[in-house]
Amino acid sequence: MSGHSKWSTIKHKKGAADAKRGRLFTKLIREITMAARQGGGAPEANPRLRKAIDDAKAVNMPADNIKRAIQRGTGELPGASYEEVTFEGYGPGGVAVLIEALTDNKNRTLPEIRTIFSKHGGNLGETGSVRFLFQKIGYLALEKDKTSEDAVMEAAIESGAEDVETTDQHYEIRTTPENFLQVKASLEEKGLPLAVAELSMLPSTEVSLDARKADQMVKLMEALEDHDDVQNVWSNFDFAETTSSTS
């Protein structure tokens, strides 16, 4: 994984998520419910809900599931009450790990997350211990063999993107969180195929790991992502593509 590209980690995460479709649906339903509870059930007036619905449609979630999740969020249907929780910790080699979770019982989730860290050579940290190392951004990636640099640059500039980078296989676009949906919609309207479109946490520094620690770190992230309450996991580890078969 190069210092400038998130693609290897994203590719690994996407493959893991696709293989666990039921768990992915559960996480998306929770996000839709929370978004509707906080900002109302109208996606046109609720950017977080609009993004959650787009993500659900991208994995072919049935419309009825989406509708029921919104109704649970607005109180039209009964359902569990979820709380947004952030966990911070350290992985092998002192790598920073930031976790976003939605839980109906923080007292259950906290020790479970602590145990996952312990089992994989890491430890849970205090609130604020690593959050300052990450900045929230909008991130979009397009495969180079499916579009042209000129088309990507033109669409990105017109829609208010902050930065465009070219890697070996992809064009990567960064936006402010506020402009993310606008940039995404603009690219889609122009027929540009998005490989990735997500709100992400970009680390300000990176920690390079050797092959053994990189393998440990990937397993830690997989274990965290497998937890039902965990919505997102970010870290600042950097490793060569050749060090891990899971990258």
Protein backbone atom coordinates (compact mmCIF):
# COMPACT_ATOMS: atom_id res chain seq x y z
CA MET A 1 0.00 0.00 0.00
CA SER A 2 1.61 3.23 -1.08
CA GLY A 3 1.76 6.18 1.24
CA HIS A 4 -0.68 8.10 -0.94
CA SER A 5 -3.17 5.40 -1.90
CA LYS A 6 -5.91 3.84 0.21
CA TRP A 7 -6.75 1.35 -2.53
CA SER A 8 -5.11 -1.81 -1.14
CA THR A 9 -6.83 -1.51 2.21
CA ILE A 10 -10.17 -0.64 0.59
CA LYS A 11 -9.91 -3.56 -1.83
CA HIS A 12 -9.25 -5.94 1.04
CA LYS A 13 -12.11 -4.52 3.12
CA LYS A 14 -14.54 -4.65 0.21
CA GLY A 15 -13.73 -8.30 -0.49
CA ALA A 16 -14.19 -9.21 3.16
CA ALA A 17 -17.51 -7.35 3.30
CA ASP A 18 -18.84 -8.93 0.13
CA ALA A 19 -18.16 -12.38 1.57
CA LYS A 20 -20.29 -11.57 4.62
CA ARG A 21 -23.42 -10.21 3.02
CA GLY A 22 -25.76 -10.76 5.95
CA ARG A 23 -23.50 -8.90 8.36
CA LEU A 24 -23.09 -6.08 5.85
CA PHE A 25 -26.88 -5.72 5.58
CA THR A 26 -27.14 -5.55 9.38
CA LYS A 27 -24.56 -2.76 9.56
CA LEU A 28 -26.20 -0.77 6.76
CA ILE A 29 -29.64 -1.12 8.34
CA ARG A 30 -28.28 0.26 11.61
CA GLU A 31 -26.69 3.20 9.78
CA ILE A 32 -29.94 3.98 7.93
CA THR A 33 -31.89 3.81 11.20
CA MET A 34 -29.44 6.09 13.03
CA ALA A 35 -29.32 8.57 10.14
CA ALA A 36 -33.12 8.76 10.00
CA ARG A 37 -33.34 9.16 13.77
CA GLN A 38 -30.88 12.06 13.78
CA GLY A 39 -31.85 13.88 10.61
CA GLY A 40 -35.33 12.73 9.65
CA GLY A 41 -36.61 10.22 7.12
CA ALA A 42 -36.40 12.38 3.97
CA PRO A 43 -33.14 11.54 2.13
CA GLU A 44 -33.24 14.73 0.05
CA ALA A 45 -32.93 16.74 3.27
CA ASN A 46 -30.63 14.34 5.12
CA PRO A 47 -27.19 13.80 3.47
CA ARG A 48 -26.19 11.04 5.89
CA LEU A 49 -29.38 9.11 5.15
CA ARG A 50 -28.96 9.65 1.41
CA LYS A 51 -25.43 8.21 1.58
CA ALA A 52 -26.61 5.22 3.65
CA ILE A 53 -29.41 4.47 1.19
CA ASP A 54 -26.97 4.71 -1.75
CA ASP A 55 -24.66 2.23 0.00
CA ALA A 56 -27.56 -0.13 0.66
CA LYS A 57 -28.74 0.00 -2.95
CA ALA A 58 -25.18 -0.64 -4.14
CA VAL A 59 -25.29 -4.08 -2.49
CA ASN A 60 -28.84 -4.75 -3.72
CA MET A 61 -30.60 -4.42 -0.39
CA PRO A 62 -34.37 -4.84 -0.92
CA ALA A 63 -36.34 -1.60 -0.87
CA ASP A 64 -38.59 -2.93 1.90
CA ASN A 65 -35.59 -3.39 4.20
CA ILE A 66 -34.51 0.19 3.57
CA LYS A 67 -38.03 1.50 4.18
CA ARG A 68 -38.40 -0.39 7.48
CA ALA A 69 -34.99 0.82 8.68
CA ILE A 70 -36.02 4.44 8.00
CA GLN A 71 -39.34 3.90 9.80
CA ARG A 72 -37.55 2.47 12.85
CA GLY A 73 -35.36 5.56 12.87
CA THR A 74 -38.29 7.98 12.69
CA GLY A 75 -40.26 6.03 15.30
CA GLU A 76 -42.98 4.79 12.94
CA LEU A 77 -41.90 1.22 13.75
CA PRO A 78 -40.50 -0.15 17.04
CA GLY A 79 -36.84 -1.13 17.19
CA ALA A 80 -33.65 -1.13 19.21
CA SER A 81 -32.17 2.22 20.19
CA TYR A 82 -28.57 2.55 19.01
CA GLU A 83 -25.84 4.83 20.32
CA GLU A 84 -22.88 6.09 18.30
CA VAL A 85 -19.59 5.18 19.96
CA THR A 86 -15.98 5.79 18.94
CA PHE A 87 -13.19 3.51 20.14
CA GLU A 88 -9.50 4.35 19.83
CA GLY A 89 -6.53 2.06 20.22
CA TYR A 90 -3.17 0.79 19.03
CA GLY A 91 -2.31 -2.18 16.85
CA PRO A 92 0.99 -4.02 16.37
CA GLY A 93 3.94 -1.67 15.97
CA GLY A 94 2.06 1.23 17.58
CA VAL A 95 -0.35 1.69 14.66
CA ALA A 96 -3.28 4.01 15.43
CA VAL A 97 -6.74 2.45 15.09
CA LEU A 98 -9.99 4.43 15.02
CA ILE A 99 -13.33 2.61 15.22
CA GLU A 100 -16.89 3.86 14.73
CA ALA A 101 -19.64 1.67 16.17
CA LEU A 102 -23.40 1.64 16.63
CA THR A 103 -24.42 -0.29 19.73
CA ASP A 104 -27.52 -0.86 21.85
CA ASN A 105 -25.32 -1.74 24.85
CA LYS A 106 -21.99 0.08 25.23
CA ASN A 107 -21.20 -1.90 28.41
CA ARG A 108 -21.25 -5.09 26.31
CA THR A 109 -19.42 -3.72 23.28
CA LEU A 110 -16.51 -2.08 25.12
CA PRO A 111 -15.03 -5.25 26.70
CA GLU A 112 -15.58 -7.17 23.46
CA ILE A 113 -13.56 -4.59 21.49
CA ARG A 114 -10.87 -4.61 24.19
CA THR A 115 -10.61 -8.41 23.90
CA ILE A 116 -10.21 -8.24 20.10
CA PHE A 117 -7.30 -5.80 20.49
CA SER A 118 -5.65 -8.01 23.12
CA LYS A 119 -5.93 -11.15 20.99
CA HIS A 120 -4.22 -9.48 18.03
CA GLY A 121 -1.25 -7.76 19.64
CA GLY A 122 -2.88 -4.39 20.29
CA ASN A 123 -4.56 -2.50 23.09
CA LEU A 124 -7.56 -0.23 23.52
CA GLY A 125 -6.63 3.39 24.23
CA GLU A 126 -8.24 6.32 25.99
CA THR A 127 -10.71 8.67 24.30
CA GLY A 128 -8.71 11.18 22.25
CA SER A 129 -5.57 9.06 22.11
CA VAL A 130 -5.50 8.71 18.29
CA ARG A 131 -8.47 10.66 16.92
CA PHE A 132 -6.33 13.75 16.36
CA LEU A 133 -4.26 11.80 13.81
CA PHE A 134 -7.20 11.50 11.38
CA GLN A 135 -9.07 13.98 9.20
CA LYS A 136 -12.52 13.25 7.74
CA ILE A 137 -12.62 13.43 3.93
CA GLY A 138 -14.70 12.30 1.00
CA TYR A 139 -12.83 9.68 -1.04
CA LEU A 140 -13.68 8.41 -4.53
CA ALA A 141 -11.67 6.08 -6.75
CA LEU A 142 -12.06 5.26 -10.45
CA GLU A 143 -10.23 2.53 -12.36
CA LYS A 144 -7.90 3.97 -14.99
CA ASP A 145 -8.84 1.43 -17.65
CA LYS A 146 -12.52 2.44 -17.46
CA THR A 147 -12.21 6.20 -17.95
CA SER A 148 -9.78 8.94 -18.98
CA GLU A 149 -7.74 11.34 -16.87
CA ASP A 150 -9.19 14.36 -18.70
CA ALA A 151 -12.76 13.26 -17.97
CA VAL A 152 -12.01 12.67 -14.29
CA MET A 153 -10.10 15.95 -13.88
CA GLU A 154 -12.82 17.99 -15.60
CA ALA A 155 -15.64 16.45 -13.57
CA ALA A 156 -13.73 16.76 -10.31
CA ILE A 157 -12.84 20.42 -10.84
CA GLU A 158 -16.37 21.35 -11.97
CA SER A 159 -17.98 19.68 -8.95
CA GLY A 160 -15.71 21.23 -6.31
CA ALA A 161 -13.32 18.39 -5.47
CA GLU A 162 -10.25 19.28 -3.41
CA ASP A 163 -7.62 17.04 -5.00
CA VAL A 164 -7.09 14.39 -7.68
CA GLU A 165 -4.21 11.92 -7.58
CA THR A 166 -3.15 9.32 -10.14
CA THR A 167 -1.82 5.95 -8.98
CA ASP A 168 -0.76 2.91 -11.00
CA GLN A 169 -4.33 1.69 -11.53
CA HIS A 170 -6.68 4.39 -10.25
CA TYR A 171 -7.67 8.04 -10.21
CA GLU A 172 -8.32 9.05 -6.59
CA ILE A 173 -10.42 12.09 -5.72
CA ARG A 174 -10.62 13.78 -2.34
CA THR A 175 -13.35 16.17 -1.24
CA THR A 176 -14.51 17.91 1.91
CA PRO A 177 -17.19 15.90 3.75
CA GLU A 178 -19.71 18.62 2.86
CA ASN A 179 -19.02 18.36 -0.89
CA PHE A 180 -18.80 14.57 -1.07
CA LEU A 181 -22.35 13.85 -2.26
CA GLN A 182 -22.21 16.71 -4.76
CA VAL A 183 -18.97 15.42 -6.30
CA LYS A 184 -20.25 11.83 -6.31
CA ALA A 185 -23.49 12.85 -8.06
CA SER A 186 -21.59 14.89 -10.63
CA LEU A 187 -19.32 11.96 -11.54
CA GLU A 188 -22.29 9.61 -11.79
CA GLU A 189 -24.24 12.05 -13.98
CA LYS A 190 -21.30 12.09 -16.40
CA GLY A 191 -21.34 8.29 -16.52
CA LEU A 192 -17.97 7.85 -14.81
CA PRO A 193 -17.81 4.43 -13.08
CA LEU A 194 -16.94 4.71 -9.39
CA ALA A 195 -14.99 1.82 -7.87
CA VAL A 196 -15.15 3.38 -4.39
CA ALA A 197 -17.14 6.27 -2.93
CA GLU A 198 -16.98 6.75 0.82
CA LEU A 199 -16.55 9.18 3.67
CA SER A 200 -13.26 8.20 5.23
CA MET A 201 -10.73 9.18 7.87
CA LEU A 202 -7.37 10.09 6.34
CA PRO A 203 -4.34 9.69 8.65
CA SER A 204 -1.90 12.60 8.89
CA THR A 205 1.02 10.23 9.53
CA GLU A 206 1.68 6.59 8.70
CA VAL A 207 3.49 3.75 10.46
CA SER A 208 5.43 1.31 8.27
CA LEU A 209 5.17 -2.34 9.29
CA ASP A 210 7.27 -5.37 8.40
CA ALA A 211 5.60 -8.45 6.90
CA ARG A 212 4.83 -10.14 10.23
CA LYS A 213 3.33 -7.08 11.90
CA ALA A 214 1.41 -6.16 8.72
CA ASP A 215 -0.18 -9.61 8.73
CA GLN A 216 -1.10 -9.17 12.41
CA MET A 217 -2.56 -5.76 11.68
CA VAL A 218 -4.72 -7.02 8.80
CA LYS A 219 -6.07 -9.78 11.07
CA LEU A 220 -6.85 -7.22 13.79
CA MET A 221 -8.78 -5.07 11.33
CA GLU A 222 -10.67 -8.09 10.01
CA ALA A 223 -11.63 -9.14 13.54
CA LEU A 224 -12.84 -5.63 14.37
CA GLU A 225 -14.81 -5.37 11.11
CA ASP A 226 -16.43 -8.74 11.86
CA HIS A 227 -17.92 -7.42 15.11
CA ASP A 228 -21.63 -6.77 14.63
CA ASP A 229 -21.53 -3.33 16.28
CA VAL A 230 -18.56 -1.98 14.31
CA GLN A 231 -19.44 0.24 11.33
CA ASN A 232 -16.00 1.50 10.25
CA VAL A 233 -12.35 0.82 11.08
CA TRP A 234 -9.48 3.11 10.07
CA SER A 235 -5.77 2.87 10.76
CA ASN A 236 -2.52 4.52 9.74
CA PHE A 237 -0.45 1.47 8.86
CA ASP A 238 1.54 1.31 5.65
CA PHE A 239 2.90 -1.86 4.07
CA ALA A 240 4.36 -3.03 0.78
CA GLU A 241 1.95 -4.86 -1.54
CA THR A 242 4.24 -7.88 -1.47
CA THR A 243 4.16 -8.29 2.32
CA SER A 244 0.63 -9.64 2.61
CA SER A 245 -1.56 -11.78 0.42
CA THR A 246 -4.68 -10.11 1.88
CA SER A 247 -3.85 -6.58 0.72
